[in-house]
Amino acid sequence: EMTAYAMLTYLEKGLIGDAIPVMKWLVSQQNEQGGFASTQDTVVALGALARLAEAIIYSDVDISAKFEYRPGVSADIRVNPGNAMILQRTELPKKVRQLNITATGRGFAILQVSYRYNVNVTGAWPMFNLDPQVDKNSNKNHLQLSICSSYIGGNQSNMAVMEVSLPSGYTVDSDKLPSLEFSQSVKRVETKEGDTVVVLYFDQMSAKELCPTVSAFRTHKVAKQRPVPVTLYDYYDQSRKARVFYEPLVANLCDICENEDCKICNGGSPDSNPQTGDGSATAYGPSLFLVLVTLILSRNIH
């Protein structure tokens, strides 16, 4: 944030040449989504970069950038007056380990290469407390889930995102979603994966516990549901997260059966002979086998 203000000062004084090194450092701090460490940093830094872009833009910009990741195989991006203010993105194959970049033309453009990788190390202690609990007024057709959470990594977090997955067969009660935006510091609510995951956005979280409640109804007959996760993470650094599973009220096969499928649930037993339904094949099978053996032995004796 302070560096962005310093660059704005250079621009106010017309010192564009001095602002360029500052711009390079700011760009090196961006994440792959174009944001910075916090919401405030992102707002100020992007504003400063936009001011610099206005000061150095070329009306006849024409730049061609080439990304060669295998001999003879490359991707290209072209910047011209028609798309100079539009973000262009190219995704390279996951197995790329070496990249050669060449650019030709005239004008000014910023090129950023982002990459991610996994490291086999023990993760840090979660930055968030997370405690999802199924409310007592829930039943096998209606779920009411309260998720209490707080930040334990300092005074307050960056923007935080909570993803609440619902048990198999349940979809969110969309009529209750608007009420979430007017309570518990929730700034935005959305759903995904066919209304089976609820996503809550918080501007920030602190040590003060927040407990939003999500409601859902059973819309499909599914039995023997497994534990379901709730995940809470930092929007700008998703390695800072907590995930906890909760146990839904599990439906059994008798809760979802219909007609003939429910016979065993009502004290009956499934038919042993699918053709006659009277079990005769099972009752007379051994006797028939004994008669056949006797006939074969008699024939061999004669």
Protein backbone atom coordinates (compact mmCIF):
# COMPACT_ATOMS: atom_id res chain seq x y z
CA GLU A 1 0.00 0.00 0.00
CA MET A 2 2.76 2.48 0.95
CA THR A 3 4.72 1.63 -2.21
CA ALA A 4 1.64 2.33 -4.33
CA TYR A 5 1.24 5.74 -2.68
CA ALA A 6 4.92 6.45 -3.41
CA MET A 7 4.37 5.66 -7.09
CA LEU A 8 1.32 7.94 -7.17
CA THR A 9 3.51 10.72 -5.79
CA TYR A 10 6.01 10.24 -8.64
CA LEU A 11 3.17 10.36 -11.16
CA GLU A 12 1.74 13.55 -9.65
CA LYS A 13 5.13 15.20 -10.17
CA GLY A 14 5.48 13.83 -13.71
CA LEU A 15 8.43 11.58 -12.79
CA ILE A 16 7.35 8.66 -14.95
CA GLY A 17 10.87 7.30 -15.33
CA ASP A 18 11.22 7.06 -11.54
CA ALA A 19 7.82 5.36 -11.28
CA ILE A 20 8.77 2.47 -13.60
CA PRO A 21 11.04 0.60 -11.08
CA VAL A 22 8.33 1.00 -8.44
CA MET A 23 5.79 -0.45 -10.85
CA LYS A 24 8.03 -3.47 -11.49
CA TRP A 25 8.24 -4.20 -7.78
CA LEU A 26 4.47 -3.85 -7.33
CA VAL A 27 3.79 -6.25 -10.19
CA SER A 28 6.15 -8.80 -8.64
CA GLN A 29 3.93 -8.82 -5.53
CA GLN A 30 0.72 -9.72 -7.39
CA ASN A 31 -0.82 -13.15 -7.07
CA GLU A 32 -2.00 -15.17 -10.06
CA GLN A 33 -5.45 -13.55 -9.86
CA GLY A 34 -4.02 -10.02 -10.04
CA GLY A 35 -4.65 -9.20 -6.38
CA PHE A 36 -2.32 -8.35 -3.51
CA ALA A 37 -1.89 -9.36 0.14
CA SER A 38 -5.06 -7.65 1.38
CA THR A 39 -8.16 -5.90 0.08
CA GLN A 40 -6.77 -2.46 0.93
CA ASP A 41 -3.44 -3.24 -0.75
CA THR A 42 -5.27 -4.42 -3.87
CA VAL A 43 -7.44 -1.29 -4.15
CA VAL A 44 -4.55 1.17 -3.76
CA ALA A 45 -2.03 -0.77 -5.87
CA LEU A 46 -4.40 -1.34 -8.80
CA GLY A 47 -5.36 2.33 -8.71
CA ALA A 48 -1.69 3.34 -8.92
CA LEU A 49 -1.00 0.91 -11.77
CA ALA A 50 -4.01 2.25 -13.66
CA ARG A 51 -2.73 5.82 -13.29
CA LEU A 52 0.65 4.76 -14.67
CA ALA A 53 -1.02 2.97 -17.59
CA GLU A 54 -2.86 6.19 -18.49
CA ALA A 55 0.41 8.13 -18.44
CA ILE A 56 2.42 5.81 -20.69
CA ILE A 57 -0.19 4.35 -23.02
CA TYR A 58 0.68 4.39 -26.73
CA SER A 59 -2.14 5.15 -29.16
CA ASP A 60 -0.51 2.94 -31.81
CA VAL A 61 0.67 0.11 -29.55
CA ASP A 62 1.48 -3.09 -31.44
CA ILE A 63 3.23 -5.83 -29.45
CA SER A 64 3.52 -9.53 -30.19
CA ALA A 65 4.65 -11.87 -27.38
CA LYS A 66 5.63 -15.47 -28.02
CA PHE A 67 5.86 -18.21 -25.35
CA GLU A 68 7.85 -21.22 -26.51
CA TYR A 69 7.59 -24.15 -24.08
CA ARG A 70 8.75 -26.96 -26.39
CA PRO A 71 10.90 -26.83 -29.52
CA GLY A 72 8.61 -25.63 -32.27
CA VAL A 73 5.57 -25.38 -29.95
CA SER A 74 4.47 -21.97 -28.68
CA ALA A 75 1.57 -19.74 -27.66
CA ASP A 76 1.13 -16.14 -28.79
CA ILE A 77 -0.46 -12.98 -27.41
CA ARG A 78 -1.00 -9.86 -29.51
CA VAL A 79 -1.54 -6.41 -27.98
CA ASN A 80 -3.00 -3.67 -30.20
CA PRO A 81 -5.16 -0.55 -29.74
CA GLY A 82 -8.30 -2.69 -29.80
CA ASN A 83 -7.34 -4.84 -26.79
CA ALA A 84 -4.66 -2.81 -25.00
CA MET A 85 -6.81 -2.38 -21.88
CA ILE A 86 -8.06 -5.98 -21.79
CA LEU A 87 -6.41 -8.70 -19.71
CA GLN A 88 -5.31 -11.59 -21.92
CA ARG A 89 -4.52 -14.97 -20.43
CA THR A 90 -2.94 -18.13 -21.84
CA GLU A 91 -2.78 -21.41 -19.92
CA LEU A 92 0.23 -23.58 -20.64
CA PRO A 93 0.35 -27.39 -20.22
CA LYS A 94 1.01 -28.59 -16.68
CA LYS A 95 4.18 -30.45 -17.64
CA VAL A 96 5.99 -27.30 -18.82
CA ARG A 97 9.28 -26.84 -16.95
CA GLN A 98 11.07 -24.35 -19.20
CA LEU A 99 9.66 -21.29 -20.96
CA ASN A 100 11.29 -18.94 -23.49
CA ILE A 101 9.60 -15.57 -23.97
CA THR A 102 10.23 -13.14 -26.82
CA ALA A 103 8.43 -9.87 -27.56
CA THR A 104 8.58 -7.58 -30.58
CA GLY A 105 6.84 -4.39 -31.65
CA ARG A 106 6.28 -0.98 -30.09
CA GLY A 107 4.47 0.25 -27.02
CA PHE A 108 4.25 -0.76 -23.37
CA ALA A 109 2.73 -3.89 -21.82
CA ILE A 110 3.08 -5.92 -18.63
CA LEU A 111 3.68 -9.65 -18.93
CA GLN A 112 3.28 -11.87 -15.87
CA VAL A 113 4.06 -15.59 -15.62
CA SER A 114 2.36 -17.34 -12.69
CA TYR A 115 3.03 -20.88 -11.53
CA ARG A 116 2.05 -23.03 -8.57
CA TYR A 117 3.50 -26.18 -7.08
CA ASN A 118 3.07 -28.41 -4.04
CA VAL A 119 5.66 -28.96 -1.33
CA ASN A 120 5.62 -32.08 0.82
CA VAL A 121 5.88 -30.39 4.22
CA THR A 122 3.73 -30.34 7.32
CA GLY A 123 1.17 -27.54 7.06
CA ALA A 124 1.02 -24.70 9.55
CA TRP A 125 -1.62 -24.62 12.26
CA PRO A 126 -4.93 -23.38 10.78
CA MET A 127 -5.50 -19.63 10.91
CA PHE A 128 -9.23 -20.11 11.56
CA ASN A 129 -11.38 -21.84 14.14
CA LEU A 130 -14.25 -23.72 12.53
CA ASP A 131 -17.10 -25.57 14.25
CA PRO A 132 -20.09 -26.70 12.12
CA GLN A 133 -23.01 -28.13 14.12
CA VAL A 134 -26.29 -29.66 12.93
CA ASP A 135 -29.11 -27.90 14.83
CA LYS A 136 -31.54 -29.92 16.96
CA ASN A 137 -34.56 -28.97 14.85
CA SER A 138 -33.06 -30.71 11.80
CA ASN A 139 -34.59 -33.95 10.54
CA LYS A 140 -34.05 -36.36 7.65
CA ASN A 141 -35.87 -34.04 5.24
CA HIS A 142 -34.58 -30.68 6.48
CA LEU A 143 -31.08 -29.62 7.49
CA GLN A 144 -30.23 -26.56 9.53
CA LEU A 145 -26.48 -26.12 9.96
CA SER A 146 -24.81 -23.47 12.14
CA ILE A 147 -21.13 -22.80 11.38
CA CYS A 148 -19.28 -20.88 14.09
CA SER A 149 -15.89 -19.51 13.07
CA SER A 150 -13.24 -16.98 14.08
CA TYR A 151 -9.74 -15.84 13.11
CA ILE A 152 -6.81 -16.86 15.33
CA GLY A 153 -3.89 -15.61 13.24
CA GLY A 154 -3.84 -12.05 14.57
CA ASN A 155 -6.12 -9.05 14.93
CA GLN A 156 -8.09 -9.62 11.74
CA SER A 157 -7.89 -11.56 8.51
CA ASN A 158 -8.04 -10.55 4.87
CA MET A 159 -11.19 -11.30 2.93
CA ALA A 160 -12.31 -14.79 3.97
CA VAL A 161 -14.37 -17.34 2.06
CA MET A 162 -16.45 -20.13 3.60
CA GLU A 163 -17.59 -23.05 1.44
CA VAL A 164 -20.36 -25.16 2.97
CA SER A 165 -20.97 -28.50 1.24
CA LEU A 166 -24.35 -30.15 1.74
CA PRO A 167 -25.01 -33.87 2.25
CA SER A 168 -25.83 -36.01 -0.78
CA GLY A 169 -29.47 -35.54 -1.75
CA TYR A 170 -29.79 -32.03 -0.24
CA THR A 171 -30.01 -28.62 -1.94
CA VAL A 172 -29.91 -25.24 -0.27
CA ASP A 173 -33.06 -23.39 0.79
CA SER A 174 -32.64 -20.42 -1.55
CA ASP A 175 -35.37 -18.42 0.23
CA LYS A 176 -33.14 -18.17 3.31
CA LEU A 177 -29.99 -16.99 1.48
CA PRO A 178 -30.83 -13.24 1.30
CA SER A 179 -31.14 -13.06 5.09
CA LEU A 180 -27.49 -14.14 5.43
CA GLU A 181 -26.30 -10.98 3.68
CA PHE A 182 -27.92 -8.82 6.35
CA SER A 183 -26.29 -10.52 9.31
CA GLN A 184 -23.06 -12.01 10.62
CA SER A 185 -20.86 -9.68 8.50
CA VAL A 186 -21.51 -11.74 5.36
CA LYS A 187 -20.95 -9.51 2.32
CA ARG A 188 -21.89 -11.89 -0.46
CA VAL A 189 -23.61 -15.26 -0.84
CA GLU A 190 -23.60 -17.55 -3.85
CA THR A 191 -24.10 -21.22 -4.65
CA LYS A 192 -22.43 -23.68 -6.99
CA GLU A 193 -22.54 -27.30 -8.11
CA GLY A 194 -26.30 -27.31 -8.53
CA ASP A 195 -27.07 -25.50 -5.24
CA THR A 196 -25.26 -28.20 -3.24
CA VAL A 197 -22.45 -25.89 -2.07
CA VAL A 198 -23.01 -22.50 -0.39
CA VAL A 199 -20.20 -19.92 -0.61
CA LEU A 200 -20.09 -17.07 1.94
CA TYR A 201 -17.73 -14.08 1.56
CA PHE A 202 -16.56 -12.04 4.56
CA ASP A 203 -14.69 -8.73 4.22
CA GLN A 204 -12.61 -9.84 7.18
CA MET A 205 -12.77 -12.01 10.28
CA SER A 206 -11.49 -11.40 13.81
CA ALA A 207 -11.36 -13.22 17.13
CA LYS A 208 -15.05 -12.45 17.52
CA GLU A 209 -16.99 -15.59 16.67
CA LEU A 210 -19.47 -15.51 13.77
CA CYS A 211 -22.15 -18.19 13.42
CA PRO A 212 -24.11 -18.03 10.14
CA THR A 213 -26.81 -20.67 9.61
CA VAL A 214 -27.44 -22.51 6.33
CA SER A 215 -30.73 -24.30 5.63
CA ALA A 216 -31.32 -27.06 3.09
CA PHE A 217 -34.01 -29.54 2.06
CA ARG A 218 -33.77 -33.13 0.90
CA THR A 219 -34.60 -33.11 -2.81
CA HIS A 220 -33.28 -36.55 -3.80
CA LYS A 221 -33.57 -39.86 -1.99
CA VAL A 222 -30.07 -40.84 -0.91
CA ALA A 223 -29.20 -43.16 1.97
CA LYS A 224 -26.06 -43.69 4.04
CA GLN A 225 -24.61 -40.20 3.53
CA ARG A 226 -20.99 -39.65 4.43
CA PRO A 227 -19.51 -36.81 6.56
CA VAL A 228 -19.49 -33.49 4.71
CA PRO A 229 -16.77 -30.77 4.74
CA VAL A 230 -16.92 -27.07 5.54
CA THR A 231 -13.87 -25.08 4.42
CA LEU A 232 -12.80 -21.57 5.45
CA TYR A 233 -9.81 -19.89 3.79
CA ASP A 234 -8.05 -16.59 3.13
CA TYR A 235 -9.13 -15.24 -0.26
CA TYR A 236 -5.61 -14.03 -1.10
CA ASP A 237 -3.70 -16.99 0.32
CA GLN A 238 -5.65 -20.23 0.14
CA SER A 239 -2.93 -22.11 2.01
CA ARG A 240 -4.34 -20.39 5.10
CA LYS A 241 -7.43 -22.46 5.64
CA ALA A 242 -9.32 -24.74 7.98
CA ARG A 243 -11.53 -27.68 7.04
CA VAL A 244 -13.87 -29.59 9.34
CA PHE A 245 -16.32 -32.41 8.53
CA TYR A 246 -19.79 -32.58 10.08
CA GLU A 247 -22.09 -35.59 10.45
CA PRO A 248 -25.54 -35.16 8.84
CA LEU A 249 -28.62 -37.05 10.01
CA VAL A 250 -28.08 -40.22 8.00
CA ALA A 251 -31.02 -41.80 6.15
CA ASN A 252 -31.13 -45.60 5.85
CA LEU A 253 -32.54 -47.70 3.02
CA CYS A 254 -35.93 -48.03 4.69
CA ASP A 255 -36.25 -44.23 4.79
CA ILE A 256 -36.10 -43.95 1.01
CA CYS A 257 -37.63 -47.23 -0.25
CA GLU A 258 -40.90 -47.41 -2.20
CA ASN A 259 -43.54 -50.11 -2.83
CA GLU A 260 -42.05 -53.62 -3.14
CA ASP A 261 -38.61 -52.41 -2.08
CA CYS A 262 -40.00 -51.78 1.41
CA LYS A 263 -41.15 -55.37 2.02
CA ILE A 264 -38.09 -56.26 4.07
CA CYS A 265 -38.56 -53.07 6.14
CA ASN A 266 -42.11 -54.17 7.06
CA GLY A 267 -41.04 -57.52 8.49
CA GLY A 268 -41.26 -59.53 5.26
CA SER A 269 -38.49 -61.28 3.37
CA PRO A 270 -37.43 -61.09 -0.24
CA ASP A 271 -38.68 -63.90 -2.56
CA SER A 272 -36.19 -66.65 -3.08
CA ASN A 273 -37.62 -67.62 -6.49
CA PRO A 274 -38.05 -64.61 -8.75
CA GLN A 275 -40.37 -66.56 -11.09
CA THR A 276 -42.87 -68.18 -8.70
CA GLY A 277 -42.23 -66.25 -5.51
CA ASP A 278 -43.03 -69.29 -3.32
CA GLY A 279 -39.52 -70.62 -2.64
CA SER A 280 -40.35 -73.98 -4.25
CA ALA A 281 -37.06 -74.22 -6.12
CA THR A 282 -35.14 -73.96 -2.89
CA ALA A 283 -37.38 -76.50 -1.07
CA TYR A 284 -37.29 -79.23 -3.72
CA GLY A 285 -33.83 -78.68 -5.12
CA PRO A 286 -32.02 -81.19 -2.79
CA SER A 287 -34.70 -83.91 -3.33
CA LEU A 288 -34.44 -83.69 -7.10
CA PHE A 289 -30.67 -83.89 -6.85
CA LEU A 290 -30.93 -87.03 -4.68
CA VAL A 291 -33.27 -88.74 -7.19
CA LEU A 292 -30.91 -88.01 -10.07
CA VAL A 293 -27.94 -89.45 -8.18
CA THR A 294 -29.93 -92.63 -7.36
CA LEU A 295 -30.90 -93.13 -11.01
CA ILE A 296 -27.31 -92.73 -12.17
CA LEU A 297 -26.03 -95.25 -9.60
CA SER A 298 -28.72 -97.78 -10.54
CA ARG A 299 -27.86 -97.49 -14.22
CA ASN A 300 -24.15 -98.08 -13.49
CA ILE A 301 -24.92 -101.24 -11.44
CA HIS A 302 -26.94 -102.81 -14.27
